[in-house]
Amino acid sequence: MQIRESLLSLAQPISQFRVHPKNVRQGDIGAIAESLKAHGQYRPIVVQRSTNQILAGNHTFQAAKSLGWNEIAATYVDCDDDQAVRILLADNRTNDLASYDDSALIDLLKELSASDTGLEKTLAEHIKEGIDNKNKAKALNDRVKKEAERDDIDPKHFLECKRWINAKVCNTYEQYLAIKDLVNGESD
């Protein structure tokens, strides 16, 4: 399965699009590729018409390319370069601000696990990993907030934090600090 039938009218040659050079978001292309294989593309990428640079869906595009797709569903936005970067950042940030109702999520996962196909094709292992990381980060959230308010964020941690984020140990600098302290036994 590639592009869902409802999106076929939006299909365009994948070769005409480019990842936006100012996209600072790091997505899990492997997980997205697994989702595309299991479910196909069910929402279009969003592209700046004048540049063919992707504003939303950069990692979906990369995952589709990694799967050898020739086409991808896309919608276009008419905007200048400044507004394009603002759309790109707003789309990424609104995803960051989202959270799960953990108890409802656990109930949903239990319900799916009892079905004939179980948790197959849900990326459940990534969901559980996210909950575990969220719980670790919550443990020291107040202390991290206090450090940030005092501008006591240590820039020497940046590279290690980036490695941890890339390894999916944490998602943010705050989570990095919280988990690092838990590992070192420095929690309040």
C-alpha atoms as a PDB file:
ATOM      1  CA  MET A   1       0.000   0.000   0.000  1.00  0.00           C
ATOM      2  CA  GLN A   2       1.320   3.450  -0.838  1.00  0.00           C
ATOM      3  CA  ILE A   3      -0.926   6.485  -1.179  1.00  0.00           C
ATOM      4  CA  ARG A   4      -4.457   5.884   0.098  1.00  0.00           C
ATOM      5  CA  GLU A   5      -7.149   6.033  -2.553  1.00  0.00           C
ATOM      6  CA  SER A   6      -8.704   9.164  -1.043  1.00  0.00           C
ATOM      7  CA  LEU A   7      -5.422  11.044  -1.665  1.00  0.00           C
ATOM      8  CA  LEU A   8      -4.586   9.762  -5.144  1.00  0.00           C
ATOM      9  CA  SER A   9      -5.792  12.995  -6.776  1.00  0.00           C
ATOM     10  CA  LEU A  10      -3.009  14.799  -4.848  1.00  0.00           C
ATOM     11  CA  ALA A  11      -0.233  12.431  -6.010  1.00  0.00           C
ATOM     12  CA  GLN A  12       2.832  14.145  -7.471  1.00  0.00           C
ATOM     13  CA  PRO A  13       6.256  12.854  -8.560  1.00  0.00           C
ATOM     14  CA  ILE A  14       8.321  12.563  -5.394  1.00  0.00           C
ATOM     15  CA  SER A  15      11.427  13.800  -7.213  1.00  0.00           C
ATOM     16  CA  GLN A  16      10.048  17.343  -7.517  1.00  0.00           C
ATOM     17  CA  PHE A  17      10.030  17.991  -3.757  1.00  0.00           C
ATOM     18  CA  ARG A  18      12.882  18.938  -1.426  1.00  0.00           C
ATOM     19  CA  VAL A  19      13.334  18.718   2.325  1.00  0.00           C
ATOM     20  CA  HIS A  20      13.226  22.239   3.717  1.00  0.00           C
ATOM     21  CA  PRO A  21      16.822  23.305   4.497  1.00  0.00           C
ATOM     22  CA  LYS A  22      15.708  25.070   7.697  1.00  0.00           C
ATOM     23  CA  ASN A  23      13.843  22.106   9.137  1.00  0.00           C
ATOM     24  CA  VAL A  24      15.622  21.505  12.439  1.00  0.00           C
ATOM     25  CA  ARG A  25      13.290  18.684  13.495  1.00  0.00           C
ATOM     26  CA  GLN A  26      14.776  15.194  13.649  1.00  0.00           C
ATOM     27  CA  GLY A  27      12.163  12.573  12.907  1.00  0.00           C
ATOM     28  CA  ASP A  28      12.246   8.803  13.211  1.00  0.00           C
ATOM     29  CA  ILE A  29      12.263   7.989   9.506  1.00  0.00           C
ATOM     30  CA  GLY A  30      12.410   4.244  10.203  1.00  0.00           C
ATOM     31  CA  ALA A  31       9.245   4.340  12.328  1.00  0.00           C
ATOM     32  CA  ILE A  32       7.488   6.506   9.743  1.00  0.00           C
ATOM     33  CA  ALA A  33       8.523   4.074   6.994  1.00  0.00           C
ATOM     34  CA  GLU A  34       7.031   1.215   9.029  1.00  0.00           C
ATOM     35  CA  SER A  35       3.795   3.167   9.382  1.00  0.00           C
ATOM     36  CA  LEU A  36       3.729   3.933   5.638  1.00  0.00           C
ATOM     37  CA  LYS A  37       4.238   0.244   4.846  1.00  0.00           C
ATOM     38  CA  ALA A  38       1.444  -0.758   7.216  1.00  0.00           C
ATOM     39  CA  HIS A  39      -1.087   1.993   6.521  1.00  0.00           C
ATOM     40  CA  GLY A  40      -0.003   3.890   3.423  1.00  0.00           C
ATOM     41  CA  GLN A  41       0.065   7.669   3.206  1.00  0.00           C
ATOM     42  CA  TYR A  42      -3.159   8.930   4.781  1.00  0.00           C
ATOM     43  CA  ARG A  43      -2.370  12.650   4.914  1.00  0.00           C
ATOM     44  CA  PRO A  44      -0.567  14.781   2.343  1.00  0.00           C
ATOM     45  CA  ILE A  45       2.695  16.584   2.866  1.00  0.00           C
ATOM     46  CA  VAL A  46       2.483  20.394   2.727  1.00  0.00           C
ATOM     47  CA  VAL A  47       4.727  22.168   0.227  1.00  0.00           C
ATOM     48  CA  GLN A  48       5.623  25.805  -0.464  1.00  0.00           C
ATOM     49  CA  ARG A  49       4.478  26.238  -4.068  1.00  0.00           C
ATOM     50  CA  SER A  50       7.232  28.672  -5.135  1.00  0.00           C
ATOM     51  CA  THR A  51      10.140  26.502  -3.947  1.00  0.00           C
ATOM     52  CA  ASN A  52       8.755  22.933  -3.754  1.00  0.00           C
ATOM     53  CA  GLN A  53      10.265  22.787  -0.254  1.00  0.00           C
ATOM     54  CA  ILE A  54       8.322  20.774   2.303  1.00  0.00           C
ATOM     55  CA  LEU A  55       6.807  22.706   5.204  1.00  0.00           C
ATOM     56  CA  ALA A  56       5.058  19.794   6.922  1.00  0.00           C
ATOM     57  CA  GLY A  57       5.880  16.155   6.313  1.00  0.00           C
ATOM     58  CA  ASN A  58       9.645  16.320   5.710  1.00  0.00           C
ATOM     59  CA  HIS A  59      10.185  12.956   7.407  1.00  0.00           C
ATOM     60  CA  THR A  60       7.186  11.336   5.711  1.00  0.00           C
ATOM     61  CA  PHE A  61       8.778  12.410   2.415  1.00  0.00           C
ATOM     62  CA  GLN A  62      12.151  10.939   3.446  1.00  0.00           C
ATOM     63  CA  ALA A  63      10.511   7.705   4.592  1.00  0.00           C
ATOM     64  CA  ALA A  64       8.579   7.392   1.320  1.00  0.00           C
ATOM     65  CA  LYS A  65      11.817   7.949  -0.636  1.00  0.00           C
ATOM     66  CA  SER A  66      13.554   5.286   1.454  1.00  0.00           C
ATOM     67  CA  LEU A  67      10.780   2.879   0.472  1.00  0.00           C
ATOM     68  CA  GLY A  68      11.341   3.636  -3.211  1.00  0.00           C
ATOM     69  CA  TRP A  69       8.065   5.473  -3.801  1.00  0.00           C
ATOM     70  CA  ASN A  70       7.780   7.383  -7.071  1.00  0.00           C
ATOM     71  CA  GLU A  71       4.870   9.566  -5.946  1.00  0.00           C
ATOM     72  CA  ILE A  72       3.624  11.237  -2.781  1.00  0.00           C
ATOM     73  CA  ALA A  73       0.408  13.118  -2.010  1.00  0.00           C
ATOM     74  CA  ALA A  74       0.986  16.834  -1.520  1.00  0.00           C
ATOM     75  CA  THR A  75      -0.911  20.054  -0.980  1.00  0.00           C
ATOM     76  CA  TYR A  76       0.520  23.469  -1.739  1.00  0.00           C
ATOM     77  CA  VAL A  77       0.737  26.713   0.208  1.00  0.00           C
ATOM     78  CA  ASP A  78       1.295  30.078  -1.468  1.00  0.00           C
ATOM     79  CA  CYS A  79       3.554  32.056   0.884  1.00  0.00           C
ATOM     80  CA  ASP A  80       6.844  33.926   0.977  1.00  0.00           C
ATOM     81  CA  ASP A  81      10.012  32.398   2.448  1.00  0.00           C
ATOM     82  CA  ASP A  82       9.590  34.130   5.817  1.00  0.00           C
ATOM     83  CA  GLN A  83       6.075  32.803   6.292  1.00  0.00           C
ATOM     84  CA  ALA A  84       7.196  29.368   5.078  1.00  0.00           C
ATOM     85  CA  VAL A  85       9.767  29.117   7.890  1.00  0.00           C
ATOM     86  CA  ARG A  86       7.138  30.270  10.383  1.00  0.00           C
ATOM     87  CA  ILE A  87       4.726  27.572   9.155  1.00  0.00           C
ATOM     88  CA  LEU A  88       7.517  24.973   9.377  1.00  0.00           C
ATOM     89  CA  LEU A  89       8.390  25.933  12.956  1.00  0.00           C
ATOM     90  CA  ALA A  90       4.755  26.247  14.053  1.00  0.00           C
ATOM     91  CA  ASP A  91       3.940  22.795  12.674  1.00  0.00           C
ATOM     92  CA  ASN A  92       6.906  21.249  14.489  1.00  0.00           C
ATOM     93  CA  ARG A  93       6.240  23.095  17.740  1.00  0.00           C
ATOM     94  CA  THR A  94       2.518  22.261  17.883  1.00  0.00           C
ATOM     95  CA  ASN A  95       3.506  18.588  17.666  1.00  0.00           C
ATOM     96  CA  ASP A  96       5.938  19.114  20.550  1.00  0.00           C
ATOM     97  CA  LEU A  97       3.190  20.624  22.685  1.00  0.00           C
ATOM     98  CA  ALA A  98       0.908  17.625  22.275  1.00  0.00           C
ATOM     99  CA  SER A  99       0.784  14.994  24.979  1.00  0.00           C
ATOM    100  CA  TYR A 100      -1.039  11.770  25.745  1.00  0.00           C
ATOM    101  CA  ASP A 101      -3.638  10.983  28.319  1.00  0.00           C
ATOM    102  CA  ASP A 102      -1.489   8.099  29.555  1.00  0.00           C
ATOM    103  CA  SER A 103      -4.287   6.138  31.245  1.00  0.00           C
ATOM    104  CA  ALA A 104      -6.535   6.440  28.167  1.00  0.00           C
ATOM    105  CA  LEU A 105      -3.600   5.428  25.961  1.00  0.00           C
ATOM    106  CA  ILE A 106      -2.927   2.360  28.096  1.00  0.00           C
ATOM    107  CA  ASP A 107      -6.624   1.430  27.883  1.00  0.00           C
ATOM    108  CA  LEU A 108      -6.538   1.822  24.100  1.00  0.00           C
ATOM    109  CA  LEU A 109      -3.398  -0.306  23.803  1.00  0.00           C
ATOM    110  CA  LYS A 110      -4.996  -3.002  25.989  1.00  0.00           C
ATOM    111  CA  GLU A 111      -8.091  -2.931  23.791  1.00  0.00           C
ATOM    112  CA  LEU A 112      -6.015  -3.277  20.614  1.00  0.00           C
ATOM    113  CA  SER A 113      -3.851  -6.020  22.119  1.00  0.00           C
ATOM    114  CA  ALA A 114      -6.997  -8.091  22.728  1.00  0.00           C
ATOM    115  CA  SER A 115      -7.994  -7.850  19.041  1.00  0.00           C
ATOM    116  CA  ASP A 116      -7.153 -10.496  16.440  1.00  0.00           C
ATOM    117  CA  THR A 117      -4.103  -8.590  15.167  1.00  0.00           C
ATOM    118  CA  GLY A 118      -2.954  -7.378  18.576  1.00  0.00           C
ATOM    119  CA  LEU A 119      -0.593  -4.416  18.595  1.00  0.00           C
ATOM    120  CA  GLU A 120       0.860  -5.280  15.209  1.00  0.00           C
ATOM    121  CA  LYS A 121       1.343  -2.187  13.020  1.00  0.00           C
ATOM    122  CA  THR A 122       0.731   0.288  15.883  1.00  0.00           C
ATOM    123  CA  LEU A 123       4.369   1.100  16.711  1.00  0.00           C
ATOM    124  CA  ALA A 124       3.389   0.248  20.297  1.00  0.00           C
ATOM    125  CA  GLU A 125       7.014  -0.214  21.301  1.00  0.00           C
ATOM    126  CA  HIS A 126       7.638   3.460  20.438  1.00  0.00           C
ATOM    127  CA  ILE A 127       4.563   4.544  22.407  1.00  0.00           C
ATOM    128  CA  LYS A 128       5.668   2.618  25.522  1.00  0.00           C
ATOM    129  CA  GLU A 129       9.193   4.034  25.180  1.00  0.00           C
ATOM    130  CA  GLY A 130       7.724   7.545  25.030  1.00  0.00           C
ATOM    131  CA  ILE A 131       5.643   6.988  28.164  1.00  0.00           C
ATOM    132  CA  ASP A 132       8.673   5.623  30.041  1.00  0.00           C
ATOM    133  CA  ASN A 133      10.762   8.632  29.017  1.00  0.00           C
ATOM    134  CA  LYS A 134       7.932  11.007  29.909  1.00  0.00           C
ATOM    135  CA  ASN A 135       7.617   9.511  33.385  1.00  0.00           C
ATOM    136  CA  LYS A 136      11.373   9.775  33.971  1.00  0.00           C
ATOM    137  CA  ALA A 137      11.360  13.382  32.823  1.00  0.00           C
ATOM    138  CA  LYS A 138       8.353  14.285  34.971  1.00  0.00           C
ATOM    139  CA  ALA A 139      10.200  13.143  38.089  1.00  0.00           C
ATOM    140  CA  LEU A 140      12.519  16.141  37.946  1.00  0.00           C
ATOM    141  CA  ASN A 141      10.428  18.569  35.915  1.00  0.00           C
ATOM    142  CA  ASP A 142      10.166  21.183  38.677  1.00  0.00           C
ATOM    143  CA  ARG A 143      13.901  21.214  39.274  1.00  0.00           C
ATOM    144  CA  VAL A 144      14.607  21.553  35.551  1.00  0.00           C
ATOM    145  CA  LYS A 145      12.151  24.458  35.321  1.00  0.00           C
ATOM    146  CA  LYS A 146      13.961  26.178  38.191  1.00  0.00           C
ATOM    147  CA  GLU A 147      17.311  25.736  36.420  1.00  0.00           C
ATOM    148  CA  ALA A 148      15.875  27.197  33.221  1.00  0.00           C
ATOM    149  CA  GLU A 149      14.441  30.174  35.123  1.00  0.00           C
ATOM    150  CA  ARG A 150      17.915  30.839  36.580  1.00  0.00           C
ATOM    151  CA  ASP A 151      19.500  30.409  33.104  1.00  0.00           C
ATOM    152  CA  ASP A 152      21.464  27.537  34.626  1.00  0.00           C
ATOM    153  CA  ILE A 153      21.384  25.377  31.494  1.00  0.00           C
ATOM    154  CA  ASP A 154      24.849  24.022  30.858  1.00  0.00           C
ATOM    155  CA  PRO A 155      25.836  24.355  27.160  1.00  0.00           C
ATOM    156  CA  LYS A 156      28.522  21.659  27.541  1.00  0.00           C
ATOM    157  CA  HIS A 157      25.671  19.117  27.762  1.00  0.00           C
ATOM    158  CA  PHE A 158      24.438  20.000  24.275  1.00  0.00           C
ATOM    159  CA  LEU A 159      26.265  17.265  22.305  1.00  0.00           C
ATOM    160  CA  GLU A 160      25.485  14.524  24.808  1.00  0.00           C
ATOM    161  CA  CYS A 161      21.867  15.684  24.905  1.00  0.00           C
ATOM    162  CA  LYS A 162      21.699  15.558  21.102  1.00  0.00           C
ATOM    163  CA  ARG A 163      23.080  11.985  21.110  1.00  0.00           C
ATOM    164  CA  TRP A 164      20.478  10.951  23.700  1.00  0.00           C
ATOM    165  CA  ILE A 165      17.705  12.520  21.642  1.00  0.00           C
ATOM    166  CA  ASN A 166      18.929  10.743  18.507  1.00  0.00           C
ATOM    167  CA  ALA A 167      19.017   7.462  20.452  1.00  0.00           C
ATOM    168  CA  LYS A 168      15.391   8.091  21.545  1.00  0.00           C
ATOM    169  CA  VAL A 169      16.350   8.180  25.229  1.00  0.00           C
ATOM    170  CA  CYS A 170      14.715  11.587  25.568  1.00  0.00           C
ATOM    171  CA  ASN A 171      12.963  14.193  23.434  1.00  0.00           C
ATOM    172  CA  THR A 172      14.047  17.530  24.911  1.00  0.00           C
ATOM    173  CA  TYR A 173      16.866  19.171  26.821  1.00  0.00           C
ATOM    174  CA  GLU A 174      14.692  19.185  29.920  1.00  0.00           C
ATOM    175  CA  GLN A 175      14.104  15.447  29.636  1.00  0.00           C
ATOM    176  CA  TYR A 176      17.820  14.938  29.091  1.00  0.00           C
ATOM    177  CA  LEU A 177      18.627  16.760  32.323  1.00  0.00           C
ATOM    178  CA  ALA A 178      15.967  14.876  34.230  1.00  0.00           C
ATOM    179  CA  ILE A 179      17.007  11.453  32.982  1.00  0.00           C
ATOM    180  CA  LYS A 180      20.719  12.253  33.390  1.00  0.00           C
ATOM    181  CA  ASP A 181      20.084  13.131  37.046  1.00  0.00           C
ATOM    182  CA  LEU A 182      18.004   9.969  37.572  1.00  0.00           C
ATOM    183  CA  VAL A 183      20.797   7.854  36.101  1.00  0.00           C
ATOM    184  CA  ASN A 184      23.342   9.605  38.340  1.00  0.00           C
ATOM    185  CA  GLY A 185      21.073   9.330  41.386  1.00  0.00           C
ATOM    186  CA  GLU A 186      20.800  13.098  41.838  1.00  0.00           C
ATOM    187  CA  SER A 187      17.017  13.458  42.054  1.00  0.00           C
ATOM    188  CA  ASP A 188      15.490  15.686  44.733  1.00  0.00           C
END
